Amino acid sequence: MAQVKGLRSAVILICAVDFFTGAVLLNKLVSPGEKVRDWRTEIHGIKGSAMKYAISQGQALAGWKEAREELWKLMDQNTILIGHALQHDLDVLRMVHTRVVDSAILARNAVGMYNRQWGLQKLCKELLGIEIRNNEGGVHDCLEDVLATREVVLRCTQQREELEAWADAKILELNAEEERRKAARENKRVKQKKLKANSTSSFVHSYGYQSDETEVLHWSDIAEEFGWPHPDTGYDPWSD
């Protein structure tokens, strides 16, 4: 996706494969149809010059509408769409589709705590033992991501025991993280309390006397230091 006016995202590449066979059904650049503020080339590797060339050669789809039309040629309302964090893809295509399987949701629900979401790259490494985006700069490849998502969903749905074992390990990690955060917050609270106590002590002792004997300092003593009661009116603010 690229960034356009209003900090919106626009689809610039669409990929789809058959879930059962892995056959590539759609893999095309999409002209954003409006001025691009940020191509985000560092994420997906697509440059403005590559898009311009594809448009000149008639190799790019004309905006999100044509991209959505091409996708609908491959599916209907009963088709199950599979993806990772699929809501972002549906948003840029202005689509609402309720029959979905989302690998991000499968992983999050398996853990069932903290409402944490894991990225596709991490799920591939931890669930499948494979590296994706293993290139200079870690650039996303749309087709690679689609095929990787397919593998993650297959693992999650066909090998439940492995998913549950992964989820149990994540719960232990998250519990440990939470304990560390609690300890850090408690240490900060104790330090702030000590700092406040020291600050108050310094204020009080600044009006004390150097003596071997213990002496109680009264507010009336402090009032006298500041000239109260007033010599003319006799007003004493500490008597209010």
C-alpha atoms as a PDB file:
ATOM      1  CA  MET A   1       0.000   0.000   0.000  1.00  0.00           C
ATOM      2  CA  ALA A   2       1.034   3.594  -0.627  1.00  0.00           C
ATOM      3  CA  GLN A   3       0.087   6.722   1.280  1.00  0.00           C
ATOM      4  CA  VAL A   4      -2.143   9.261  -0.446  1.00  0.00           C
ATOM      5  CA  LYS A   5      -3.869  12.494   0.586  1.00  0.00           C
ATOM      6  CA  GLY A   6      -5.281  12.572   4.089  1.00  0.00           C
ATOM      7  CA  LEU A   7      -2.823   9.939   5.323  1.00  0.00           C
ATOM      8  CA  ARG A   8      -5.000   7.306   3.643  1.00  0.00           C
ATOM      9  CA  SER A   9      -3.658   4.033   2.281  1.00  0.00           C
ATOM     10  CA  ALA A  10      -4.188   3.029  -1.344  1.00  0.00           C
ATOM     11  CA  VAL A  11      -3.796  -0.430  -2.845  1.00  0.00           C
ATOM     12  CA  ILE A  12      -0.927  -0.632  -5.365  1.00  0.00           C
ATOM     13  CA  LEU A  13      -0.583  -4.415  -5.696  1.00  0.00           C
ATOM     14  CA  ILE A  14      -3.082  -7.240  -5.356  1.00  0.00           C
ATOM     15  CA  CYS A  15      -2.287 -10.942  -5.056  1.00  0.00           C
ATOM     16  CA  ALA A  16      -4.537 -13.976  -4.631  1.00  0.00           C
ATOM     17  CA  VAL A  17      -3.903 -17.729  -4.684  1.00  0.00           C
ATOM     18  CA  ASP A  18      -6.082 -20.813  -4.483  1.00  0.00           C
ATOM     19  CA  PHE A  19      -5.971 -22.013  -0.884  1.00  0.00           C
ATOM     20  CA  PHE A  20      -6.082 -25.716  -1.697  1.00  0.00           C
ATOM     21  CA  THR A  21      -3.634 -25.830  -4.606  1.00  0.00           C
ATOM     22  CA  GLY A  22      -1.500 -22.741  -4.013  1.00  0.00           C
ATOM     23  CA  ALA A  23      -1.997 -21.757  -7.664  1.00  0.00           C
ATOM     24  CA  VAL A  24      -1.545 -18.037  -8.335  1.00  0.00           C
ATOM     25  CA  LEU A  25      -4.861 -16.518  -9.414  1.00  0.00           C
ATOM     26  CA  LEU A  26      -4.048 -12.806  -9.361  1.00  0.00           C
ATOM     27  CA  ASN A  27      -0.804 -10.846  -9.084  1.00  0.00           C
ATOM     28  CA  LYS A  28      -0.982  -7.339 -10.541  1.00  0.00           C
ATOM     29  CA  LEU A  29       0.081  -3.787  -9.838  1.00  0.00           C
ATOM     30  CA  VAL A  30      -2.743  -1.342  -9.164  1.00  0.00           C
ATOM     31  CA  SER A  31      -2.580   2.309 -10.175  1.00  0.00           C
ATOM     32  CA  PRO A  32      -3.571   4.328  -7.081  1.00  0.00           C
ATOM     33  CA  GLY A  33      -5.546   6.760  -9.245  1.00  0.00           C
ATOM     34  CA  GLU A  34      -4.446   9.804  -7.243  1.00  0.00           C
ATOM     35  CA  LYS A  35      -1.277  11.571  -6.179  1.00  0.00           C
ATOM     36  CA  VAL A  36       0.936   9.449  -3.959  1.00  0.00           C
ATOM     37  CA  ARG A  37       2.472  11.220  -0.975  1.00  0.00           C
ATOM     38  CA  ASP A  38       4.633   8.267   0.096  1.00  0.00           C
ATOM     39  CA  TRP A  39       5.208   5.113  -1.947  1.00  0.00           C
ATOM     40  CA  ARG A  40       6.521   3.275   1.149  1.00  0.00           C
ATOM     41  CA  THR A  41       9.042   1.607  -1.113  1.00  0.00           C
ATOM     42  CA  GLU A  42      11.102   0.533   1.888  1.00  0.00           C
ATOM     43  CA  ILE A  43       8.225  -1.761   2.904  1.00  0.00           C
ATOM     44  CA  HIS A  44       7.130  -3.400  -0.362  1.00  0.00           C
ATOM     45  CA  GLY A  45       9.893  -2.463  -2.814  1.00  0.00           C
ATOM     46  CA  ILE A  46       7.554  -0.873  -5.381  1.00  0.00           C
ATOM     47  CA  LYS A  47       8.831   2.401  -6.832  1.00  0.00           C
ATOM     48  CA  GLY A  48       6.888   5.139  -8.555  1.00  0.00           C
ATOM     49  CA  SER A  49       8.927   4.565 -11.711  1.00  0.00           C
ATOM     50  CA  ALA A  50       7.898   0.889 -11.804  1.00  0.00           C
ATOM     51  CA  MET A  51       4.245   1.862 -11.469  1.00  0.00           C
ATOM     52  CA  LYS A  52       4.566   4.483 -14.212  1.00  0.00           C
ATOM     53  CA  TYR A  53       6.063   1.903 -16.561  1.00  0.00           C
ATOM     54  CA  ALA A  54       3.365  -0.685 -15.772  1.00  0.00           C
ATOM     55  CA  ILE A  55       0.644   1.888 -16.462  1.00  0.00           C
ATOM     56  CA  SER A  56       2.248   2.863 -19.786  1.00  0.00           C
ATOM     57  CA  GLN A  57       2.330  -0.803 -20.819  1.00  0.00           C
ATOM     58  CA  GLY A  58      -1.263  -1.447 -19.772  1.00  0.00           C
ATOM     59  CA  GLN A  59      -0.088  -3.876 -17.097  1.00  0.00           C
ATOM     60  CA  ALA A  60      -1.632  -2.148 -14.066  1.00  0.00           C
ATOM     61  CA  LEU A  61      -5.211  -2.253 -12.876  1.00  0.00           C
ATOM     62  CA  ALA A  62      -7.018   1.101 -12.745  1.00  0.00           C
ATOM     63  CA  GLY A  63      -7.438   1.842  -9.047  1.00  0.00           C
ATOM     64  CA  TRP A  64      -9.136   0.009  -6.225  1.00  0.00           C
ATOM     65  CA  LYS A  65     -12.395  -0.392  -8.149  1.00  0.00           C
ATOM     66  CA  GLU A  66     -10.854  -2.481 -10.926  1.00  0.00           C
ATOM     67  CA  ALA A  67      -8.742  -4.363  -8.386  1.00  0.00           C
ATOM     68  CA  ARG A  68     -11.902  -5.250  -6.475  1.00  0.00           C
ATOM     69  CA  GLU A  69     -13.690  -6.243  -9.688  1.00  0.00           C
ATOM     70  CA  GLU A  70     -10.844  -8.600 -10.597  1.00  0.00           C
ATOM     71  CA  LEU A  71     -11.002 -10.180  -7.159  1.00  0.00           C
ATOM     72  CA  TRP A  72     -14.777 -10.642  -7.388  1.00  0.00           C
ATOM     73  CA  LYS A  73     -14.294 -12.506 -10.665  1.00  0.00           C
ATOM     74  CA  LEU A  74     -12.544 -15.176  -8.593  1.00  0.00           C
ATOM     75  CA  MET A  75     -15.034 -15.348  -5.722  1.00  0.00           C
ATOM     76  CA  ASP A  76     -18.608 -14.807  -4.596  1.00  0.00           C
ATOM     77  CA  GLN A  77     -20.355 -14.029  -1.310  1.00  0.00           C
ATOM     78  CA  ASN A  78     -19.881 -17.630  -0.132  1.00  0.00           C
ATOM     79  CA  THR A  79     -16.145 -17.735  -0.770  1.00  0.00           C
ATOM     80  CA  ILE A  80     -13.957 -17.870   2.324  1.00  0.00           C
ATOM     81  CA  LEU A  81     -11.223 -15.247   2.134  1.00  0.00           C
ATOM     82  CA  ILE A  82      -7.990 -16.075   3.936  1.00  0.00           C
ATOM     83  CA  GLY A  83      -5.384 -13.508   4.931  1.00  0.00           C
ATOM     84  CA  HIS A  84      -3.336 -11.943   7.705  1.00  0.00           C
ATOM     85  CA  ALA A  85      -4.782  -8.820   9.377  1.00  0.00           C
ATOM     86  CA  LEU A  86      -7.276  -8.976   6.543  1.00  0.00           C
ATOM     87  CA  GLN A  87      -9.239  -5.916   7.620  1.00  0.00           C
ATOM     88  CA  HIS A  88      -6.535  -3.637   6.181  1.00  0.00           C
ATOM     89  CA  ASP A  89      -6.802  -5.273   2.752  1.00  0.00           C
ATOM     90  CA  LEU A  90     -10.590  -5.125   2.788  1.00  0.00           C
ATOM     91  CA  ASP A  91     -10.502  -1.474   3.829  1.00  0.00           C
ATOM     92  CA  VAL A  92      -8.413  -0.316   0.860  1.00  0.00           C
ATOM     93  CA  LEU A  93     -10.664  -2.300  -1.489  1.00  0.00           C
ATOM     94  CA  ARG A  94     -13.788  -0.777   0.138  1.00  0.00           C
ATOM     95  CA  MET A  95     -15.047  -4.308   0.772  1.00  0.00           C
ATOM     96  CA  VAL A  96     -17.164  -5.927   3.445  1.00  0.00           C
ATOM     97  CA  HIS A  97     -16.909  -9.717   3.540  1.00  0.00           C
ATOM     98  CA  THR A  98     -17.931 -11.782   6.537  1.00  0.00           C
ATOM     99  CA  ARG A  99     -16.620 -15.208   5.514  1.00  0.00           C
ATOM    100  CA  VAL A 100     -12.953 -14.921   6.424  1.00  0.00           C
ATOM    101  CA  VAL A 101     -10.173 -16.837   8.136  1.00  0.00           C
ATOM    102  CA  ASP A 102      -7.501 -14.513   9.511  1.00  0.00           C
ATOM    103  CA  SER A 103      -4.168 -15.973  10.639  1.00  0.00           C
ATOM    104  CA  ALA A 104      -3.625 -13.030  13.001  1.00  0.00           C
ATOM    105  CA  ILE A 105      -6.951 -13.760  14.711  1.00  0.00           C
ATOM    106  CA  LEU A 106      -6.236 -17.504  14.888  1.00  0.00           C
ATOM    107  CA  ALA A 107      -2.981 -16.828  16.739  1.00  0.00           C
ATOM    108  CA  ARG A 108      -4.490 -14.174  19.011  1.00  0.00           C
ATOM    109  CA  ASN A 109      -7.445 -16.368  19.965  1.00  0.00           C
ATOM    110  CA  ALA A 110      -5.178 -19.342  20.640  1.00  0.00           C
ATOM    111  CA  VAL A 111      -3.319 -17.298  23.261  1.00  0.00           C
ATOM    112  CA  GLY A 112      -6.561 -15.782  24.517  1.00  0.00           C
ATOM    113  CA  MET A 113      -4.873 -13.228  26.799  1.00  0.00           C
ATOM    114  CA  TYR A 114      -3.598  -9.654  26.606  1.00  0.00           C
ATOM    115  CA  ASN A 115      -5.233  -9.067  23.189  1.00  0.00           C
ATOM    116  CA  ARG A 116      -1.775  -9.278  21.590  1.00  0.00           C
ATOM    117  CA  GLN A 117      -1.343  -9.646  17.819  1.00  0.00           C
ATOM    118  CA  TRP A 118       1.641 -11.264  16.113  1.00  0.00           C
ATOM    119  CA  GLY A 119       3.034 -10.331  12.721  1.00  0.00           C
ATOM    120  CA  LEU A 120       3.159 -12.764   9.824  1.00  0.00           C
ATOM    121  CA  GLN A 121       6.948 -12.887   9.839  1.00  0.00           C
ATOM    122  CA  LYS A 122       7.046 -13.912  13.501  1.00  0.00           C
ATOM    123  CA  LEU A 123       4.328 -16.541  13.078  1.00  0.00           C
ATOM    124  CA  CYS A 124       6.191 -18.068  10.149  1.00  0.00           C
ATOM    125  CA  LYS A 125       9.384 -18.288  12.164  1.00  0.00           C
ATOM    126  CA  GLU A 126       7.825 -19.654  15.348  1.00  0.00           C
ATOM    127  CA  LEU A 127       5.073 -21.890  13.948  1.00  0.00           C
ATOM    128  CA  LEU A 128       6.605 -23.018  10.670  1.00  0.00           C
ATOM    129  CA  GLY A 129      10.313 -22.592  11.311  1.00  0.00           C
ATOM    130  CA  ILE A 130      10.762 -20.645   8.072  1.00  0.00           C
ATOM    131  CA  GLU A 131      12.068 -17.168   7.302  1.00  0.00           C
ATOM    132  CA  ILE A 132      10.167 -14.813   5.028  1.00  0.00           C
ATOM    133  CA  ARG A 133      11.312 -11.409   3.726  1.00  0.00           C
ATOM    134  CA  ASN A 134      14.822 -12.795   4.003  1.00  0.00           C
ATOM    135  CA  ASN A 135      16.285 -10.135   1.742  1.00  0.00           C
ATOM    136  CA  GLU A 136      18.205  -6.903   2.058  1.00  0.00           C
ATOM    137  CA  GLY A 137      16.015  -4.487   3.961  1.00  0.00           C
ATOM    138  CA  GLY A 138      13.382  -7.105   4.808  1.00  0.00           C
ATOM    139  CA  VAL A 139      11.137  -5.918   1.960  1.00  0.00           C
ATOM    140  CA  HIS A 140       7.667  -7.471   1.771  1.00  0.00           C
ATOM    141  CA  ASP A 141       6.809  -9.537  -1.288  1.00  0.00           C
ATOM    142  CA  CYS A 142       3.034  -9.633  -1.709  1.00  0.00           C
ATOM    143  CA  LEU A 143       2.934 -13.097  -3.270  1.00  0.00           C
ATOM    144  CA  GLU A 144       5.333 -14.502  -0.684  1.00  0.00           C
ATOM    145  CA  ASP A 145       3.162 -13.077   2.106  1.00  0.00           C
ATOM    146  CA  VAL A 146       0.030 -14.637   0.590  1.00  0.00           C
ATOM    147  CA  LEU A 147       1.642 -18.068   0.296  1.00  0.00           C
ATOM    148  CA  ALA A 148       3.101 -17.764   3.805  1.00  0.00           C
ATOM    149  CA  THR A 149      -0.319 -16.884   5.221  1.00  0.00           C
ATOM    150  CA  ARG A 150      -1.729 -19.994   3.563  1.00  0.00           C
ATOM    151  CA  GLU A 151       0.900 -22.141   5.298  1.00  0.00           C
ATOM    152  CA  VAL A 152       0.246 -20.552   8.698  1.00  0.00           C
ATOM    153  CA  VAL A 153      -3.501 -21.146   8.395  1.00  0.00           C
ATOM    154  CA  LEU A 154      -2.921 -24.763   7.341  1.00  0.00           C
ATOM    155  CA  ARG A 155      -0.715 -25.298  10.389  1.00  0.00           C
ATOM    156  CA  CYS A 156      -3.192 -23.631  12.750  1.00  0.00           C
ATOM    157  CA  THR A 157      -6.199 -25.570  11.470  1.00  0.00           C
ATOM    158  CA  GLN A 158      -4.661 -28.979  10.779  1.00  0.00           C
ATOM    159  CA  GLN A 159      -2.154 -29.268  13.622  1.00  0.00           C
ATOM    160  CA  ARG A 160      -3.997 -27.881  16.610  1.00  0.00           C
ATOM    161  CA  GLU A 161      -1.635 -29.430  19.143  1.00  0.00           C
ATOM    162  CA  GLU A 162       1.310 -27.459  17.738  1.00  0.00           C
ATOM    163  CA  LEU A 163      -0.728 -24.251  17.818  1.00  0.00           C
ATOM    164  CA  GLU A 164      -1.739 -24.911  21.434  1.00  0.00           C
ATOM    165  CA  ALA A 165       1.867 -25.626  22.455  1.00  0.00           C
ATOM    166  CA  TRP A 166       2.963 -22.358  20.831  1.00  0.00           C
ATOM    167  CA  ALA A 167       0.139 -20.496  22.575  1.00  0.00           C
ATOM    168  CA  ASP A 168       1.087 -21.962  25.978  1.00  0.00           C
ATOM    169  CA  ALA A 169       4.676 -20.777  25.489  1.00  0.00           C
ATOM    170  CA  LYS A 170       3.437 -17.306  24.528  1.00  0.00           C
ATOM    171  CA  ILE A 171       1.268 -17.113  27.648  1.00  0.00           C
ATOM    172  CA  LEU A 172       4.307 -17.845  29.824  1.00  0.00           C
ATOM    173  CA  GLU A 173       6.295 -15.148  27.982  1.00  0.00           C
ATOM    174  CA  LEU A 174       3.510 -12.589  28.339  1.00  0.00           C
ATOM    175  CA  ASN A 175       3.040 -13.383  32.026  1.00  0.00           C
ATOM    176  CA  ALA A 176       6.769 -12.854  32.592  1.00  0.00           C
ATOM    177  CA  GLU A 177       6.633  -9.559  30.667  1.00  0.00           C
ATOM    178  CA  GLU A 178       3.713  -8.390  32.794  1.00  0.00           C
ATOM    179  CA  GLU A 179       5.562  -9.250  36.013  1.00  0.00           C
ATOM    180  CA  ARG A 180       8.599  -7.281  34.822  1.00  0.00           C
ATOM    181  CA  ARG A 181       6.393  -4.293  34.014  1.00  0.00           C
ATOM    182  CA  LYS A 182       4.733  -4.488  37.433  1.00  0.00           C
ATOM    183  CA  ALA A 183       8.120  -4.619  39.151  1.00  0.00           C
ATOM    184  CA  ALA A 184       9.333  -1.639  37.121  1.00  0.00           C
ATOM    185  CA  ARG A 185       6.207   0.367  38.007  1.00  0.00           C
ATOM    186  CA  GLU A 186       6.605  -0.492  41.697  1.00  0.00           C
ATOM    187  CA  ASN A 187      10.285   0.522  41.676  1.00  0.00           C
ATOM    188  CA  LYS A 188       9.352   3.817  40.047  1.00  0.00           C
ATOM    189  CA  ARG A 189       6.616   4.417  42.630  1.00  0.00           C
ATOM    190  CA  VAL A 190       8.998   3.724  45.533  1.00  0.00           C
ATOM    191  CA  LYS A 191      11.654   6.042  44.088  1.00  0.00           C
ATOM    192  CA  GLN A 192       9.116   8.832  43.599  1.00  0.00           C
ATOM    193  CA  LYS A 193       7.858   8.360  47.156  1.00  0.00           C
ATOM    194  CA  LYS A 194      11.409   8.555  48.551  1.00  0.00           C
ATOM    195  CA  LEU A 195      12.163  11.612  46.440  1.00  0.00           C
ATOM    196  CA  LYS A 196       9.019  13.330  47.694  1.00  0.00           C
ATOM    197  CA  ALA A 197       9.849  12.438  51.300  1.00  0.00           C
ATOM    198  CA  ASN A 198      13.405  13.755  50.945  1.00  0.00           C
ATOM    199  CA  SER A 199      12.124  16.962  49.368  1.00  0.00           C
ATOM    200  CA  THR A 200       9.690  17.546  52.256  1.00  0.00           C
ATOM    201  CA  SER A 201      12.371  16.748  54.823  1.00  0.00           C
ATOM    202  CA  SER A 202      14.759  19.245  53.241  1.00  0.00           C
ATOM    203  CA  PHE A 203      12.088  21.956  53.401  1.00  0.00           C
ATOM    204  CA  VAL A 204      11.398  21.374  57.090  1.00  0.00           C
ATOM    205  CA  HIS A 205      15.025  21.088  58.140  1.00  0.00           C
ATOM    206  CA  SER A 206      15.891  24.346  56.405  1.00  0.00           C
ATOM    207  CA  TYR A 207      14.142  26.101  59.291  1.00  0.00           C
ATOM    208  CA  GLY A 208      15.701  24.006  62.073  1.00  0.00           C
ATOM    209  CA  TYR A 209      18.650  24.664  64.364  1.00  0.00           C
ATOM    210  CA  GLN A 210      21.901  22.790  64.717  1.00  0.00           C
ATOM    211  CA  SER A 211      21.639  21.305  68.191  1.00  0.00           C
ATOM    212  CA  ASP A 212      22.326  18.057  69.985  1.00  0.00           C
ATOM    213  CA  GLU A 213      18.888  18.329  71.514  1.00  0.00           C
ATOM    214  CA  THR A 214      15.729  17.330  69.679  1.00  0.00           C
ATOM    215  CA  GLU A 215      13.541  20.329  68.970  1.00  0.00           C
ATOM    216  CA  VAL A 216      10.046  20.368  67.522  1.00  0.00           C
ATOM    217  CA  LEU A 217       9.566  22.986  64.818  1.00  0.00           C
ATOM    218  CA  HIS A 218       6.154  24.714  64.859  1.00  0.00           C
ATOM    219  CA  TRP A 219       4.426  26.602  62.034  1.00  0.00           C
ATOM    220  CA  SER A 220       4.436  29.691  64.263  1.00  0.00           C
ATOM    221  CA  ASP A 221       8.235  29.649  64.103  1.00  0.00           C
ATOM    222  CA  ILE A 222       8.091  29.655  60.312  1.00  0.00           C
ATOM    223  CA  ALA A 223       5.494  32.462  60.397  1.00  0.00           C
ATOM    224  CA  GLU A 224       7.831  34.624  62.405  1.00  0.00           C
ATOM    225  CA  GLU A 225      10.572  34.059  59.827  1.00  0.00           C
ATOM    226  CA  PHE A 226       8.242  35.578  57.221  1.00  0.00           C
ATOM    227  CA  GLY A 227       7.186  38.554  59.400  1.00  0.00           C
ATOM    228  CA  TRP A 228       3.852  37.297  60.696  1.00  0.00           C
ATOM    229  CA  PRO A 229       1.814  38.372  62.597  1.00  0.00           C
ATOM    230  CA  HIS A 230       1.797  41.648  60.666  1.00  0.00           C
ATOM    231  CA  PRO A 231       3.227  44.433  62.881  1.00  0.00           C
ATOM    232  CA  ASP A 232       0.450  46.882  61.921  1.00  0.00           C
ATOM    233  CA  THR A 233      -2.667  44.728  61.522  1.00  0.00           C
ATOM    234  CA  GLY A 234      -1.777  41.768  63.678  1.00  0.00           C
ATOM    235  CA  TYR A 235      -3.042  39.463  60.899  1.00  0.00           C
ATOM    236  CA  ASP A 236      -1.672  35.945  61.172  1.00  0.00           C
ATOM    237  CA  PRO A 237      -2.410  33.614  58.184  1.00  0.00           C
ATOM    238  CA  TRP A 238      -1.611  30.529  60.277  1.00  0.00           C
ATOM    239  CA  SER A 239      -4.476  31.360  62.634  1.00  0.00           C
ATOM    240  CA  ASP A 240      -7.180  31.054  59.900  1.00  0.00           C
END
